[in-house]
Amino acid sequence: QVQLVESGGGSVQAGGSLRLSCAASGYSYNYKYMAWFRQAPGKEREGVASTHSRGDPTYYADSVKGRFTISRDTVQNMVYLQMNSLKPEDTAVYYCAAVVSRWIIGSELAPNSYDVWGQGTQVTVSS
């Protein structure tokens, strides 16, 4: 059974940093893409960052460019999201997601491109 488990969420003041981790299991090979999404109360789920199985290229939402960095450890089958200079508007539940084997060129940050989802981890940024 394929499974993604997020960790690393929490509460932080504006300007602070957090690092999210996602552990993938149940699949013998590296996922084609892994990504982070977020959903704030009353808002749609949005793509934050995505990376191909090789760890390159990477894709970012405009709102997080220069502040967030996605990275992969293909040996451990992990994906990380380093979040710096956090803002109150970054407050959301953050989800890890993966595409098993398809190409999703042009849709790397579209939620409906992804096959597997984690349960989410809360990130709260206070002003």
Protein backbone atom coordinates (compact mmCIF):
# COMPACT_ATOMS: atom_id res chain seq x y z
CA GLN A 1 0.00 0.00 0.00
CA VAL A 2 1.50 3.31 -1.06
CA GLN A 3 1.60 5.84 1.71
CA LEU A 4 2.90 9.34 2.34
CA VAL A 5 3.42 10.62 5.89
CA GLU A 6 4.19 14.27 6.60
CA SER A 7 5.93 15.69 9.66
CA GLY A 8 7.51 18.93 10.80
CA GLY A 9 4.54 21.26 10.99
CA GLY A 10 4.00 23.57 13.90
CA SER A 11 3.60 27.16 15.01
CA VAL A 12 6.14 29.87 14.31
CA GLN A 13 6.30 33.64 14.32
CA ALA A 14 6.46 35.63 11.11
CA GLY A 15 9.97 35.64 9.70
CA GLY A 16 10.73 32.22 11.14
CA SER A 17 11.48 28.92 9.45
CA LEU A 18 10.13 25.39 9.39
CA ARG A 19 11.17 22.25 7.56
CA LEU A 20 8.53 19.78 6.48
CA SER A 21 9.36 16.16 5.75
CA CYS A 22 7.44 13.52 3.82
CA ALA A 23 8.24 9.84 4.00
CA ALA A 24 7.07 7.67 1.12
CA SER A 25 6.50 3.94 1.53
CA GLY A 26 4.83 1.04 -0.21
CA TYR A 27 6.35 1.71 -3.62
CA SER A 28 9.60 0.12 -4.65
CA TYR A 29 10.64 2.80 -7.09
CA ASN A 30 10.97 6.55 -6.90
CA TYR A 31 7.80 8.47 -7.62
CA LYS A 32 7.87 10.38 -10.90
CA TYR A 33 7.02 13.64 -9.13
CA MET A 34 6.68 14.66 -5.52
CA ALA A 35 5.15 17.90 -4.40
CA TRP A 36 3.81 20.01 -1.57
CA PHE A 37 0.36 21.56 -1.56
CA ARG A 38 -1.43 23.64 1.03
CA GLN A 39 -4.97 24.48 1.92
CA ALA A 40 -6.05 27.34 4.12
CA PRO A 41 -9.52 27.47 5.70
CA GLY A 42 -12.12 28.44 3.14
CA LYS A 43 -9.65 28.29 0.25
CA GLU A 44 -8.89 25.78 -2.47
CA ARG A 45 -5.89 23.53 -2.29
CA GLU A 46 -2.94 25.12 -4.08
CA GLY A 47 0.37 23.85 -5.34
CA VAL A 48 3.39 25.14 -3.44
CA ALA A 49 6.37 23.28 -4.89
CA SER A 50 7.07 20.23 -7.01
CA THR A 51 10.08 18.26 -8.12
CA HIS A 52 10.81 15.53 -10.61
CA SER A 53 12.23 12.17 -9.47
CA ARG A 54 15.77 13.34 -10.14
CA GLY A 55 15.26 16.37 -7.89
CA ASP A 56 15.45 18.65 -10.88
CA PRO A 57 13.68 20.56 -12.31
CA THR A 58 11.70 22.16 -9.52
CA TYR A 59 8.57 24.26 -9.70
CA TYR A 60 7.29 26.86 -7.26
CA ALA A 61 4.21 28.96 -6.75
CA ASP A 62 4.98 32.65 -7.24
CA SER A 63 3.95 33.34 -3.65
CA VAL A 64 6.78 31.20 -2.24
CA LYS A 65 9.60 31.70 -4.74
CA GLY A 66 12.79 32.73 -3.02
CA ARG A 67 11.49 31.64 0.39
CA PHE A 68 10.70 27.92 0.06
CA THR A 69 12.93 25.15 -1.24
CA ILE A 70 11.85 21.62 -2.17
CA SER A 71 14.35 18.79 -2.14
CA ARG A 72 14.34 15.01 -2.47
CA ASP A 73 16.33 12.15 -1.02
CA THR A 74 15.80 9.35 -3.53
CA VAL A 75 17.72 6.83 -1.41
CA GLN A 76 15.47 7.33 1.59
CA ASN A 77 12.42 8.09 -0.59
CA MET A 78 11.81 11.38 1.20
CA VAL A 79 10.85 14.86 0.11
CA TYR A 80 11.40 18.02 2.12
CA LEU A 81 10.11 21.58 2.11
CA GLN A 82 12.34 24.17 3.72
CA MET A 83 10.26 27.24 4.48
CA ASN A 84 12.03 30.49 5.36
CA SER A 85 10.79 34.02 5.95
CA LEU A 86 7.36 32.66 6.80
CA LYS A 87 4.37 34.98 6.62
CA PRO A 88 0.95 34.76 8.27
CA GLU A 89 -0.55 34.05 4.84
CA ASP A 90 1.48 30.83 4.71
CA THR A 91 -0.76 29.43 7.44
CA ALA A 92 -2.43 26.29 6.10
CA VAL A 93 -2.50 22.52 6.21
CA TYR A 94 0.40 21.32 4.08
CA TYR A 95 0.07 18.10 2.11
CA CYS A 96 2.66 15.90 0.47
CA ALA A 97 1.63 14.34 -2.84
CA ALA A 98 3.14 12.08 -5.48
CA VAL A 99 2.70 10.95 -9.04
CA VAL A 100 3.56 7.29 -9.50
CA SER A 101 4.74 7.10 -13.10
CA ARG A 102 3.01 9.57 -15.45
CA TRP A 103 4.42 12.66 -17.05
CA ILE A 104 2.47 15.77 -16.02
CA ILE A 105 4.33 18.37 -18.03
CA GLY A 106 2.74 21.77 -17.56
CA SER A 107 0.63 20.60 -14.61
CA GLU A 108 3.31 20.11 -11.97
CA LEU A 109 1.42 22.24 -9.42
CA ALA A 110 -2.11 21.10 -10.24
CA PRO A 111 -3.70 19.05 -7.46
CA ASN A 112 -5.62 16.81 -9.83
CA SER A 113 -2.35 15.65 -11.42
CA TYR A 114 -1.36 13.74 -8.30
CA ASP A 115 -2.19 10.13 -7.42
CA VAL A 116 -1.16 9.74 -3.80
CA TRP A 117 -1.71 12.09 -0.87
CA GLY A 118 -0.60 12.33 2.73
CA GLN A 119 -2.84 13.30 5.63
CA GLY A 120 -1.40 16.78 6.01
CA THR A 121 0.44 18.74 8.68
CA GLN A 122 -0.63 22.09 10.13
CA VAL A 123 1.59 25.14 9.74
CA THR A 124 0.58 28.25 11.67
CA VAL A 125 2.45 31.55 11.30
CA SER A 126 1.61 34.31 13.76
CA SER A 127 2.27 37.99 13.20
